[in-house]
Amino acid sequence: MITNAGRRTTVLLAPDGERVRIRCLARRGMLHSECEAADRVDLGPWTRYALAGREGTEAAWYVLRGPLTAEPGGVALRTRDLLLARRGDGVALRAGPEGAALLCLTVTPPAVTRHLPPRTPDTREDPVMTAPTVPGVRAVHHVAYTVPDLEQAVAFFTGVLGAELAYREGPYEDREGDWMQRQLGAHPRSVVRIAMLRLGPALNLELFQYEGPGRRREMPRNNDWGGHHLALWTDDFDATVRHLAATPGVRLLGEPQQVGEGPIEGTRWVYFTTPWGMHLELVHAPDRQPYERDTAVRLFRPAAQGSPAAQGSGER
């Protein structure tokens, strides 16, 4: 939900001349589909206010500051009391000598909401995660790739794609034992060097270079078992494509594409390979996508550059 922290109010004149101040807190589009509006209503001393609303709506009136009286019937309402009213009930409120303040939540009934498209709060930058099935697991820490030349890969990711080098490790080996096979699933006589990079606001990228016997020396294709690719978000798809096309050793696969229909309609993408043949993808998607109409799940996407969310996103 989005709240309005402003102090501007709308001033209405009641039938007998008193002033009624209304400050909008939210309107439909900021709230879930069932919510039409949320308002704060301030009544002056002895002011009478008829509870009118849009046809087909219901309202819950919460007394922030009383007392006041509900008409007809003369029901006394005190601070923290709640009044439910429907359009057409003819209910009115009259404040006491000190005035009154109320919070009004107007609700559209099911007969109306079933004809409306779903609206849910945008949770892309702060998603509500479901409980993990593995105790304690709540995020991806890093992704890792084995490369033929660690120095070449570090130079490419930092110099071409803007990654930052965090640290290096190794070389590590176990000349007489089986630690490399037992712990890493590699040949027992393998030697490994490692570099950890930070790429963008949400990715830790670990690169390995192995030396030793028993290694396949060709990169897997995307249709092979173990085939993979790393997809990178860009705010300016065309500019990034031009940058990659001008980088020696980078090969774009085919032409840039745009999804024409389905859950990610409007997404632009293109595959490309690094100088050593690793598959990567470039992606840009519109702010709203069709899949969001059917689920509360939101895929991660970085905030726009310069926004408060972008400045505070990710742990450094």
C-alpha atoms as a PDB file:
ATOM      1  CA  MET A   1       0.000   0.000   0.000  1.00  0.00           C
ATOM      2  CA  ILE A   2       1.134   3.554  -0.696  1.00  0.00           C
ATOM      3  CA  THR A   3       0.486   6.166   1.986  1.00  0.00           C
ATOM      4  CA  ASN A   4       0.149   9.885   1.474  1.00  0.00           C
ATOM      5  CA  ALA A   5       2.383  11.776   3.887  1.00  0.00           C
ATOM      6  CA  GLY A   6       1.194  15.179   2.651  1.00  0.00           C
ATOM      7  CA  ARG A   7      -0.870  17.578   4.692  1.00  0.00           C
ATOM      8  CA  ARG A   8      -3.111  19.081   2.011  1.00  0.00           C
ATOM      9  CA  THR A   9      -6.800  18.630   2.642  1.00  0.00           C
ATOM     10  CA  THR A  10     -10.081  19.127   0.791  1.00  0.00           C
ATOM     11  CA  VAL A  11     -12.494  21.439   2.611  1.00  0.00           C
ATOM     12  CA  LEU A  12     -16.226  20.823   2.178  1.00  0.00           C
ATOM     13  CA  LEU A  13     -19.074  22.899   3.553  1.00  0.00           C
ATOM     14  CA  ALA A  14     -21.733  20.902   5.398  1.00  0.00           C
ATOM     15  CA  PRO A  15     -25.407  21.869   4.813  1.00  0.00           C
ATOM     16  CA  ASP A  16     -25.482  24.096   7.904  1.00  0.00           C
ATOM     17  CA  GLY A  17     -22.233  25.866   6.977  1.00  0.00           C
ATOM     18  CA  GLU A  18     -19.653  23.984   9.055  1.00  0.00           C
ATOM     19  CA  ARG A  19     -16.418  22.894   7.434  1.00  0.00           C
ATOM     20  CA  VAL A  20     -15.507  19.249   6.834  1.00  0.00           C
ATOM     21  CA  ARG A  21     -11.853  18.549   6.093  1.00  0.00           C
ATOM     22  CA  ILE A  22     -10.943  15.404   4.125  1.00  0.00           C
ATOM     23  CA  ARG A  23      -7.356  14.268   3.515  1.00  0.00           C
ATOM     24  CA  CYS A  24      -6.857  11.511   0.944  1.00  0.00           C
ATOM     25  CA  LEU A  25      -4.577   8.749   2.199  1.00  0.00           C
ATOM     26  CA  ALA A  26      -4.877   6.417  -0.799  1.00  0.00           C
ATOM     27  CA  ARG A  27      -7.016   5.714  -3.836  1.00  0.00           C
ATOM     28  CA  ARG A  28      -7.723   2.669  -5.951  1.00  0.00           C
ATOM     29  CA  GLY A  29      -4.553   1.683  -7.839  1.00  0.00           C
ATOM     30  CA  MET A  30      -2.548   2.145  -4.630  1.00  0.00           C
ATOM     31  CA  LEU A  31      -4.626  -0.486  -2.817  1.00  0.00           C
ATOM     32  CA  HIS A  32      -5.884  -4.029  -3.374  1.00  0.00           C
ATOM     33  CA  SER A  33      -8.836  -4.403  -5.774  1.00  0.00           C
ATOM     34  CA  GLU A  34     -11.438  -4.475  -2.988  1.00  0.00           C
ATOM     35  CA  CYS A  35     -10.361  -1.087  -1.621  1.00  0.00           C
ATOM     36  CA  GLU A  36     -11.857   1.982  -3.252  1.00  0.00           C
ATOM     37  CA  ALA A  37     -10.256   4.640  -1.034  1.00  0.00           C
ATOM     38  CA  ALA A  38      -8.856   5.493   2.378  1.00  0.00           C
ATOM     39  CA  ASP A  39      -9.528   8.969   3.769  1.00  0.00           C
ATOM     40  CA  ARG A  40      -9.147  10.900   6.990  1.00  0.00           C
ATOM     41  CA  VAL A  41     -12.203  13.051   7.750  1.00  0.00           C
ATOM     42  CA  ASP A  42     -12.073  15.869  10.310  1.00  0.00           C
ATOM     43  CA  LEU A  43     -15.362  17.369  11.560  1.00  0.00           C
ATOM     44  CA  GLY A  44     -15.634  20.705  13.312  1.00  0.00           C
ATOM     45  CA  PRO A  45     -17.681  21.134  16.531  1.00  0.00           C
ATOM     46  CA  TRP A  46     -21.340  20.091  16.105  1.00  0.00           C
ATOM     47  CA  THR A  47     -20.842  19.438  12.357  1.00  0.00           C
ATOM     48  CA  ARG A  48     -23.282  17.021  10.712  1.00  0.00           C
ATOM     49  CA  TYR A  49     -21.814  14.877   7.893  1.00  0.00           C
ATOM     50  CA  ALA A  50     -23.844  12.517   5.675  1.00  0.00           C
ATOM     51  CA  LEU A  51     -21.994   9.346   4.769  1.00  0.00           C
ATOM     52  CA  ALA A  52     -22.338   9.469   0.991  1.00  0.00           C
ATOM     53  CA  GLY A  53     -20.252   7.314  -1.311  1.00  0.00           C
ATOM     54  CA  ARG A  54     -19.996   5.969  -4.820  1.00  0.00           C
ATOM     55  CA  GLU A  55     -22.870   3.683  -5.788  1.00  0.00           C
ATOM     56  CA  GLY A  56     -22.100   0.053  -4.935  1.00  0.00           C
ATOM     57  CA  THR A  57     -19.577   0.795  -2.199  1.00  0.00           C
ATOM     58  CA  GLU A  58     -19.491   0.012   1.499  1.00  0.00           C
ATOM     59  CA  ALA A  59     -17.506   1.889   4.114  1.00  0.00           C
ATOM     60  CA  ALA A  60     -15.885   1.223   7.489  1.00  0.00           C
ATOM     61  CA  TRP A  61     -15.609   4.355   9.670  1.00  0.00           C
ATOM     62  CA  TYR A  62     -13.085   4.158  12.496  1.00  0.00           C
ATOM     63  CA  VAL A  63     -13.315   6.899  15.141  1.00  0.00           C
ATOM     64  CA  LEU A  64      -9.878   8.408  15.722  1.00  0.00           C
ATOM     65  CA  ARG A  65     -11.213  11.144  18.010  1.00  0.00           C
ATOM     66  CA  GLY A  66     -14.725  11.364  19.398  1.00  0.00           C
ATOM     67  CA  PRO A  67     -17.318  11.555  20.708  1.00  0.00           C
ATOM     68  CA  LEU A  68     -19.945  11.870  17.995  1.00  0.00           C
ATOM     69  CA  THR A  69     -23.446  10.561  17.242  1.00  0.00           C
ATOM     70  CA  ALA A  70     -24.689   8.377  14.373  1.00  0.00           C
ATOM     71  CA  GLU A  71     -28.092   9.256  12.890  1.00  0.00           C
ATOM     72  CA  PRO A  72     -30.773   7.981  12.683  1.00  0.00           C
ATOM     73  CA  GLY A  73     -30.995   6.282  16.036  1.00  0.00           C
ATOM     74  CA  GLY A  74     -28.727   8.565  18.033  1.00  0.00           C
ATOM     75  CA  VAL A  75     -26.039   5.910  18.535  1.00  0.00           C
ATOM     76  CA  ALA A  76     -23.108   7.321  20.522  1.00  0.00           C
ATOM     77  CA  LEU A  77     -19.647   6.655  19.062  1.00  0.00           C
ATOM     78  CA  ARG A  78     -16.458   7.048  21.081  1.00  0.00           C
ATOM     79  CA  THR A  79     -12.776   6.982  20.161  1.00  0.00           C
ATOM     80  CA  ARG A  80     -11.778   3.583  18.677  1.00  0.00           C
ATOM     81  CA  ASP A  81     -15.387   2.638  17.824  1.00  0.00           C
ATOM     82  CA  LEU A  82     -16.082   1.240  14.337  1.00  0.00           C
ATOM     83  CA  LEU A  83     -19.145   1.959  12.185  1.00  0.00           C
ATOM     84  CA  LEU A  84     -20.024  -0.051   9.052  1.00  0.00           C
ATOM     85  CA  ALA A  85     -22.271   1.680   6.516  1.00  0.00           C
ATOM     86  CA  ARG A  86     -23.546   0.923   3.021  1.00  0.00           C
ATOM     87  CA  ARG A  87     -24.376   3.353   0.262  1.00  0.00           C
ATOM     88  CA  GLY A  88     -28.077   4.236   0.569  1.00  0.00           C
ATOM     89  CA  ASP A  89     -28.397   3.579   4.311  1.00  0.00           C
ATOM     90  CA  GLY A  90     -28.927   7.313   4.926  1.00  0.00           C
ATOM     91  CA  VAL A  91     -26.457   7.378   7.835  1.00  0.00           C
ATOM     92  CA  ALA A  92     -25.086  10.714   9.048  1.00  0.00           C
ATOM     93  CA  LEU A  93     -22.605  11.638  11.778  1.00  0.00           C
ATOM     94  CA  ARG A  94     -22.771  14.646  14.089  1.00  0.00           C
ATOM     95  CA  ALA A  95     -19.677  15.715  15.980  1.00  0.00           C
ATOM     96  CA  GLY A  96     -19.704  16.823  19.602  1.00  0.00           C
ATOM     97  CA  PRO A  97     -18.483  20.113  21.058  1.00  0.00           C
ATOM     98  CA  GLU A  98     -14.810  19.232  20.481  1.00  0.00           C
ATOM     99  CA  GLY A  99     -15.247  18.069  16.876  1.00  0.00           C
ATOM    100  CA  ALA A 100     -14.224  14.602  15.669  1.00  0.00           C
ATOM    101  CA  ALA A 101     -11.773  12.755  13.414  1.00  0.00           C
ATOM    102  CA  LEU A 102     -12.418   9.521  11.528  1.00  0.00           C
ATOM    103  CA  LEU A 103     -10.602   7.133   9.231  1.00  0.00           C
ATOM    104  CA  CYS A 104     -12.812   5.924   6.368  1.00  0.00           C
ATOM    105  CA  LEU A 105     -11.978   2.799   4.357  1.00  0.00           C
ATOM    106  CA  THR A 106     -14.334   2.487   1.383  1.00  0.00           C
ATOM    107  CA  VAL A 107     -14.716  -1.049   0.064  1.00  0.00           C
ATOM    108  CA  THR A 108     -16.086  -2.150  -3.299  1.00  0.00           C
ATOM    109  CA  PRO A 109     -18.280  -5.252  -2.843  1.00  0.00           C
ATOM    110  CA  PRO A 110     -17.731  -8.534  -4.760  1.00  0.00           C
ATOM    111  CA  ALA A 111     -20.520  -7.712  -7.239  1.00  0.00           C
ATOM    112  CA  VAL A 112     -18.269  -4.917  -8.503  1.00  0.00           C
ATOM    113  CA  THR A 113     -14.745  -6.287  -7.909  1.00  0.00           C
ATOM    114  CA  ARG A 114     -15.309  -9.436  -9.954  1.00  0.00           C
ATOM    115  CA  HIS A 115     -15.484  -7.222 -13.031  1.00  0.00           C
ATOM    116  CA  LEU A 116     -12.239  -5.390 -12.185  1.00  0.00           C
ATOM    117  CA  PRO A 117      -8.684  -6.422 -13.105  1.00  0.00           C
ATOM    118  CA  PRO A 118      -6.648  -7.521 -10.080  1.00  0.00           C
ATOM    119  CA  ARG A 119      -4.443  -4.878  -8.497  1.00  0.00           C
ATOM    120  CA  THR A 120      -1.827  -5.925  -5.988  1.00  0.00           C
ATOM    121  CA  PRO A 121       0.912  -3.874  -4.344  1.00  0.00           C
ATOM    122  CA  ASP A 122       4.204  -3.801  -6.258  1.00  0.00           C
ATOM    123  CA  THR A 123       6.629  -5.990  -4.339  1.00  0.00           C
ATOM    124  CA  ARG A 124       9.502  -6.157  -6.847  1.00  0.00           C
ATOM    125  CA  GLU A 125      12.016  -4.350  -4.637  1.00  0.00           C
ATOM    126  CA  ASP A 126      10.847  -5.962  -1.360  1.00  0.00           C
ATOM    127  CA  PRO A 127       9.231  -9.321  -2.170  1.00  0.00           C
ATOM    128  CA  VAL A 128       7.382 -11.269   0.519  1.00  0.00           C
ATOM    129  CA  MET A 129       9.092 -14.650   0.493  1.00  0.00           C
ATOM    130  CA  THR A 130       7.322 -17.846   1.432  1.00  0.00           C
ATOM    131  CA  ALA A 131       8.741 -19.981   4.215  1.00  0.00           C
ATOM    132  CA  PRO A 132      11.755 -21.987   2.942  1.00  0.00           C
ATOM    133  CA  THR A 133      11.419 -25.752   2.628  1.00  0.00           C
ATOM    134  CA  VAL A 134      15.059 -26.069   3.759  1.00  0.00           C
ATOM    135  CA  PRO A 135      15.481 -24.560   7.239  1.00  0.00           C
ATOM    136  CA  GLY A 136      17.352 -21.265   7.127  1.00  0.00           C
ATOM    137  CA  VAL A 137      17.672 -20.986   3.323  1.00  0.00           C
ATOM    138  CA  ARG A 138      16.310 -17.667   2.054  1.00  0.00           C
ATOM    139  CA  ALA A 139      18.497 -16.438  -0.809  1.00  0.00           C
ATOM    140  CA  VAL A 140      21.007 -17.350  -3.511  1.00  0.00           C
ATOM    141  CA  HIS A 141      24.529 -16.443  -2.388  1.00  0.00           C
ATOM    142  CA  HIS A 142      26.429 -16.829  -5.665  1.00  0.00           C
ATOM    143  CA  VAL A 143      26.615 -18.565  -9.031  1.00  0.00           C
ATOM    144  CA  ALA A 144      29.865 -20.169 -10.212  1.00  0.00           C
ATOM    145  CA  TYR A 145      31.411 -21.033 -13.573  1.00  0.00           C
ATOM    146  CA  THR A 146      34.571 -22.866 -14.601  1.00  0.00           C
ATOM    147  CA  VAL A 147      36.571 -20.986 -17.237  1.00  0.00           C
ATOM    148  CA  PRO A 148      39.641 -21.966 -19.275  1.00  0.00           C
ATOM    149  CA  ASP A 149      41.632 -18.824 -18.375  1.00  0.00           C
ATOM    150  CA  LEU A 150      40.892 -17.077 -15.086  1.00  0.00           C
ATOM    151  CA  GLU A 151      42.774 -13.884 -15.955  1.00  0.00           C
ATOM    152  CA  GLN A 152      40.932 -13.556 -19.265  1.00  0.00           C
ATOM    153  CA  ALA A 153      37.553 -14.112 -17.594  1.00  0.00           C
ATOM    154  CA  VAL A 154      38.201 -11.617 -14.780  1.00  0.00           C
ATOM    155  CA  ALA A 155      39.340  -9.016 -17.316  1.00  0.00           C
ATOM    156  CA  PHE A 156      36.206  -9.584 -19.439  1.00  0.00           C
ATOM    157  CA  PHE A 157      33.680  -9.404 -16.601  1.00  0.00           C
ATOM    158  CA  THR A 158      35.325  -6.345 -15.019  1.00  0.00           C
ATOM    159  CA  GLY A 159      36.384  -4.491 -18.165  1.00  0.00           C
ATOM    160  CA  VAL A 160      33.435  -5.240 -20.488  1.00  0.00           C
ATOM    161  CA  LEU A 161      30.507  -5.958 -18.139  1.00  0.00           C
ATOM    162  CA  GLY A 162      31.396  -3.699 -15.192  1.00  0.00           C
ATOM    163  CA  ALA A 163      31.919  -6.315 -12.453  1.00  0.00           C
ATOM    164  CA  GLU A 164      34.122  -5.644  -9.442  1.00  0.00           C
ATOM    165  CA  LEU A 165      36.787  -8.050  -8.177  1.00  0.00           C
ATOM    166  CA  ALA A 166      36.233  -8.921  -4.510  1.00  0.00           C
ATOM    167  CA  TYR A 167      39.025 -11.425  -3.890  1.00  0.00           C
ATOM    168  CA  ARG A 168      41.147 -14.249  -5.281  1.00  0.00           C
ATOM    169  CA  GLU A 169      42.039 -17.654  -3.807  1.00  0.00           C
ATOM    170  CA  GLY A 170      44.486 -20.455  -4.587  1.00  0.00           C
ATOM    171  CA  PRO A 171      46.089 -22.270  -6.092  1.00  0.00           C
ATOM    172  CA  TYR A 172      44.659 -25.200  -4.099  1.00  0.00           C
ATOM    173  CA  GLU A 173      45.572 -28.854  -4.572  1.00  0.00           C
ATOM    174  CA  ASP A 174      45.928 -32.164  -2.694  1.00  0.00           C
ATOM    175  CA  ARG A 175      48.996 -33.833  -4.165  1.00  0.00           C
ATOM    176  CA  GLU A 176      48.596 -37.177  -2.403  1.00  0.00           C
ATOM    177  CA  GLY A 177      44.987 -37.391  -1.163  1.00  0.00           C
ATOM    178  CA  ASP A 178      41.511 -37.325  -2.689  1.00  0.00           C
ATOM    179  CA  TRP A 179      40.210 -34.021  -1.226  1.00  0.00           C
ATOM    180  CA  MET A 180      39.586 -32.459  -4.657  1.00  0.00           C
ATOM    181  CA  GLN A 181      37.490 -35.425  -5.744  1.00  0.00           C
ATOM    182  CA  ARG A 182      35.738 -35.886  -2.407  1.00  0.00           C
ATOM    183  CA  GLN A 183      34.869 -32.221  -1.777  1.00  0.00           C
ATOM    184  CA  LEU A 184      34.573 -30.721  -5.265  1.00  0.00           C
ATOM    185  CA  GLY A 185      33.847 -33.668  -7.566  1.00  0.00           C
ATOM    186  CA  ALA A 186      37.010 -32.951  -9.577  1.00  0.00           C
ATOM    187  CA  HIS A 187      39.945 -35.196 -10.566  1.00  0.00           C
ATOM    188  CA  PRO A 188      42.093 -35.942  -7.470  1.00  0.00           C
ATOM    189  CA  ARG A 189      45.172 -34.332  -9.054  1.00  0.00           C
ATOM    190  CA  SER A 190      43.367 -31.106 -10.014  1.00  0.00           C
ATOM    191  CA  VAL A 191      44.741 -27.687  -9.132  1.00  0.00           C
ATOM    192  CA  VAL A 192      42.231 -24.827  -8.824  1.00  0.00           C
ATOM    193  CA  ARG A 193      42.386 -21.040  -8.671  1.00  0.00           C
ATOM    194  CA  ILE A 194      39.332 -18.928  -7.800  1.00  0.00           C
ATOM    195  CA  ALA A 195      38.138 -15.330  -8.176  1.00  0.00           C
ATOM    196  CA  MET A 196      34.955 -13.849  -6.670  1.00  0.00           C
ATOM    197  CA  LEU A 197      33.324 -10.875  -8.375  1.00  0.00           C
ATOM    198  CA  ARG A 198      30.363  -8.617  -7.651  1.00  0.00           C
ATOM    199  CA  LEU A 199      28.233  -8.054 -10.756  1.00  0.00           C
ATOM    200  CA  GLY A 200      25.400  -5.550 -10.373  1.00  0.00           C
ATOM    201  CA  PRO A 201      23.233  -5.089  -7.260  1.00  0.00           C
ATOM    202  CA  ALA A 202      22.310  -8.722  -6.634  1.00  0.00           C
ATOM    203  CA  LEU A 203      24.875 -11.170  -8.046  1.00  0.00           C
ATOM    204  CA  ASN A 204      28.060 -12.646  -6.595  1.00  0.00           C
ATOM    205  CA  LEU A 205      29.914 -14.408  -9.436  1.00  0.00           C
ATOM    206  CA  GLU A 206      32.562 -17.040  -8.620  1.00  0.00           C
ATOM    207  CA  LEU A 207      35.014 -18.080 -11.363  1.00  0.00           C
ATOM    208  CA  PHE A 208      37.143 -21.256 -11.257  1.00  0.00           C
ATOM    209  CA  GLN A 209      40.132 -22.300 -13.365  1.00  0.00           C
ATOM    210  CA  TYR A 210      41.226 -25.940 -13.027  1.00  0.00           C
ATOM    211  CA  GLU A 211      44.500 -27.468 -14.159  1.00  0.00           C
ATOM    212  CA  GLY A 212      45.236 -31.213 -14.290  1.00  0.00           C
ATOM    213  CA  PRO A 213      44.073 -34.379 -15.992  1.00  0.00           C
ATOM    214  CA  GLY A 214      40.555 -35.599 -16.762  1.00  0.00           C
ATOM    215  CA  ARG A 215      39.025 -32.353 -18.045  1.00  0.00           C
ATOM    216  CA  ARG A 216      36.659 -31.857 -20.999  1.00  0.00           C
ATOM    217  CA  ARG A 217      37.783 -28.764 -22.880  1.00  0.00           C
ATOM    218  CA  GLU A 218      34.651 -27.775 -24.799  1.00  0.00           C
ATOM    219  CA  MET A 219      31.877 -25.535 -23.513  1.00  0.00           C
ATOM    220  CA  PRO A 220      28.455 -27.241 -23.263  1.00  0.00           C
ATOM    221  CA  ARG A 221      25.777 -26.166 -25.717  1.00  0.00           C
ATOM    222  CA  ASN A 222      22.480 -24.905 -24.317  1.00  0.00           C
ATOM    223  CA  ASN A 223      20.793 -28.188 -25.267  1.00  0.00           C
ATOM    224  CA  ASP A 224      23.459 -30.345 -23.535  1.00  0.00           C
ATOM    225  CA  TRP A 225      23.083 -31.721 -20.032  1.00  0.00           C
ATOM    226  CA  GLY A 226      24.702 -29.082 -17.849  1.00  0.00           C
ATOM    227  CA  GLY A 227      24.018 -26.430 -20.460  1.00  0.00           C
ATOM    228  CA  HIS A 228      23.573 -23.015 -18.893  1.00  0.00           C
ATOM    229  CA  HIS A 229      23.630 -19.279 -19.415  1.00  0.00           C
ATOM    230  CA  LEU A 230      23.908 -16.166 -17.254  1.00  0.00           C
ATOM    231  CA  ALA A 231      21.321 -13.477 -18.060  1.00  0.00           C
ATOM    232  CA  LEU A 232      22.201  -9.810 -17.492  1.00  0.00           C
ATOM    233  CA  TRP A 233      19.670  -6.989 -17.068  1.00  0.00           C
ATOM    234  CA  THR A 234      20.177  -3.743 -18.981  1.00  0.00           C
ATOM    235  CA  ASP A 235      18.314  -0.439 -18.660  1.00  0.00           C
ATOM    236  CA  ASP A 236      19.281   0.499 -22.249  1.00  0.00           C
ATOM    237  CA  PHE A 237      18.992  -2.605 -24.419  1.00  0.00           C
ATOM    238  CA  ASP A 238      20.045  -1.041 -27.730  1.00  0.00           C
ATOM    239  CA  ALA A 239      23.079   0.736 -26.266  1.00  0.00           C
ATOM    240  CA  THR A 240      24.299  -2.442 -24.583  1.00  0.00           C
ATOM    241  CA  VAL A 241      23.864  -4.462 -27.794  1.00  0.00           C
ATOM    242  CA  ARG A 242      25.996  -1.918 -29.644  1.00  0.00           C
ATOM    243  CA  HIS A 243      28.624  -2.076 -26.889  1.00  0.00           C
ATOM    244  CA  LEU A 244      28.814  -5.879 -27.046  1.00  0.00           C
ATOM    245  CA  ALA A 245      28.856  -5.971 -30.843  1.00  0.00           C
ATOM    246  CA  ALA A 246      31.900  -3.692 -30.805  1.00  0.00           C
ATOM    247  CA  THR A 247      33.786  -5.811 -28.208  1.00  0.00           C
ATOM    248  CA  PRO A 248      36.461  -8.083 -29.727  1.00  0.00           C
ATOM    249  CA  GLY A 249      35.751 -11.764 -29.168  1.00  0.00           C
ATOM    250  CA  VAL A 250      32.054 -11.318 -28.321  1.00  0.00           C
ATOM    251  CA  ARG A 251      29.615 -13.043 -30.690  1.00  0.00           C
ATOM    252  CA  LEU A 252      25.913 -12.166 -30.780  1.00  0.00           C
ATOM    253  CA  LEU A 253      23.716 -15.169 -31.556  1.00  0.00           C
ATOM    254  CA  GLY A 254      21.239 -14.150 -34.226  1.00  0.00           C
ATOM    255  CA  GLU A 255      19.265 -10.917 -33.967  1.00  0.00           C
ATOM    256  CA  PRO A 256      17.827  -9.231 -30.841  1.00  0.00           C
ATOM    257  CA  GLN A 257      14.322 -10.527 -30.162  1.00  0.00           C
ATOM    258  CA  GLN A 258      11.146  -9.162 -28.544  1.00  0.00           C
ATOM    259  CA  VAL A 259       8.542 -11.477 -27.006  1.00  0.00           C
ATOM    260  CA  GLY A 260       5.234 -10.869 -28.783  1.00  0.00           C
ATOM    261  CA  GLU A 261       2.822 -12.668 -26.440  1.00  0.00           C
ATOM    262  CA  GLY A 262       2.581 -14.778 -23.309  1.00  0.00           C
ATOM    263  CA  PRO A 263       3.571 -14.170 -19.670  1.00  0.00           C
ATOM    264  CA  ILE A 264       6.616 -11.988 -20.480  1.00  0.00           C
ATOM    265  CA  GLU A 265       5.231 -10.107 -23.489  1.00  0.00           C
ATOM    266  CA  GLY A 266       7.382  -7.113 -24.399  1.00  0.00           C
ATOM    267  CA  THR A 267      10.643  -8.567 -23.040  1.00  0.00           C
ATOM    268  CA  ARG A 268      13.670  -7.968 -25.270  1.00  0.00           C
ATOM    269  CA  TRP A 269      16.554 -10.442 -25.301  1.00  0.00           C
ATOM    270  CA  VAL A 270      19.572 -11.697 -27.192  1.00  0.00           C
ATOM    271  CA  TYR A 271      22.126 -14.454 -26.477  1.00  0.00           C
ATOM    272  CA  PHE A 272      25.840 -13.833 -26.858  1.00  0.00           C
ATOM    273  CA  THR A 273      29.076 -15.680 -26.129  1.00  0.00           C
ATOM    274  CA  THR A 274      32.251 -14.555 -24.364  1.00  0.00           C
ATOM    275  CA  PRO A 275      35.664 -14.814 -26.043  1.00  0.00           C
ATOM    276  CA  TRP A 276      36.074 -18.325 -24.520  1.00  0.00           C
ATOM    277  CA  GLY A 277      32.588 -19.482 -25.592  1.00  0.00           C
ATOM    278  CA  MET A 278      30.491 -19.109 -22.419  1.00  0.00           C
ATOM    279  CA  HIS A 279      26.810 -18.383 -23.090  1.00  0.00           C
ATOM    280  CA  LEU A 280      25.277 -15.194 -21.677  1.00  0.00           C
ATOM    281  CA  GLU A 281      22.008 -13.380 -22.326  1.00  0.00           C
ATOM    282  CA  LEU A 282      21.010  -9.720 -22.365  1.00  0.00           C
ATOM    283  CA  VAL A 283      17.490  -8.884 -21.093  1.00  0.00           C
ATOM    284  CA  HIS A 284      15.214  -5.863 -20.732  1.00  0.00           C
ATOM    285  CA  ALA A 285      11.540  -6.081 -19.722  1.00  0.00           C
ATOM    286  CA  PRO A 286       8.703  -3.537 -19.444  1.00  0.00           C
ATOM    287  CA  ASP A 287       7.541  -2.298 -16.036  1.00  0.00           C
ATOM    288  CA  ARG A 288       4.396  -4.422 -16.097  1.00  0.00           C
ATOM    289  CA  GLN A 289       4.155  -7.934 -17.539  1.00  0.00           C
ATOM    290  CA  PRO A 290       1.121 -10.174 -18.186  1.00  0.00           C
ATOM    291  CA  TYR A 291       2.145 -12.877 -15.685  1.00  0.00           C
ATOM    292  CA  GLU A 292       1.668 -10.362 -12.841  1.00  0.00           C
ATOM    293  CA  ARG A 293      -2.101 -10.455 -13.389  1.00  0.00           C
ATOM    294  CA  ASP A 294      -2.265 -14.097 -12.296  1.00  0.00           C
ATOM    295  CA  THR A 295       0.116 -14.321  -9.333  1.00  0.00           C
ATOM    296  CA  ALA A 296       1.506 -12.338  -6.422  1.00  0.00           C
ATOM    297  CA  VAL A 297       5.014 -13.615  -7.277  1.00  0.00           C
ATOM    298  CA  ARG A 298       7.269 -10.919  -8.697  1.00  0.00           C
ATOM    299  CA  LEU A 299      10.568 -11.631 -10.417  1.00  0.00           C
ATOM    300  CA  PHE A 300      13.508  -9.592  -9.192  1.00  0.00           C
ATOM    301  CA  ARG A 301      14.526  -6.635 -11.297  1.00  0.00           C
ATOM    302  CA  PRO A 302      16.896  -3.822 -10.350  1.00  0.00           C
ATOM    303  CA  ALA A 303      15.425  -0.437  -9.483  1.00  0.00           C
ATOM    304  CA  ALA A 304      15.865   2.404 -11.946  1.00  0.00           C
ATOM    305  CA  GLN A 305      19.215   4.157 -11.727  1.00  0.00           C
ATOM    306  CA  GLY A 306      19.143   7.124  -9.333  1.00  0.00           C
ATOM    307  CA  SER A 307      16.043   5.993  -7.416  1.00  0.00           C
ATOM    308  CA  PRO A 308      16.218   5.559  -3.608  1.00  0.00           C
ATOM    309  CA  ALA A 309      15.631   1.821  -4.071  1.00  0.00           C
ATOM    310  CA  ALA A 310      18.577   1.590  -6.471  1.00  0.00           C
ATOM    311  CA  GLN A 311      20.855   3.499  -4.113  1.00  0.00           C
ATOM    312  CA  GLY A 312      20.016   1.185  -1.233  1.00  0.00           C
ATOM    313  CA  SER A 313      19.676  -2.127  -3.060  1.00  0.00           C
ATOM    314  CA  GLY A 314      21.984  -5.025  -2.299  1.00  0.00           C
ATOM    315  CA  GLU A 315      24.418  -5.623   0.527  1.00  0.00           C
ATOM    316  CA  ARG A 316      27.904  -4.383  -0.066  1.00  0.00           C
END
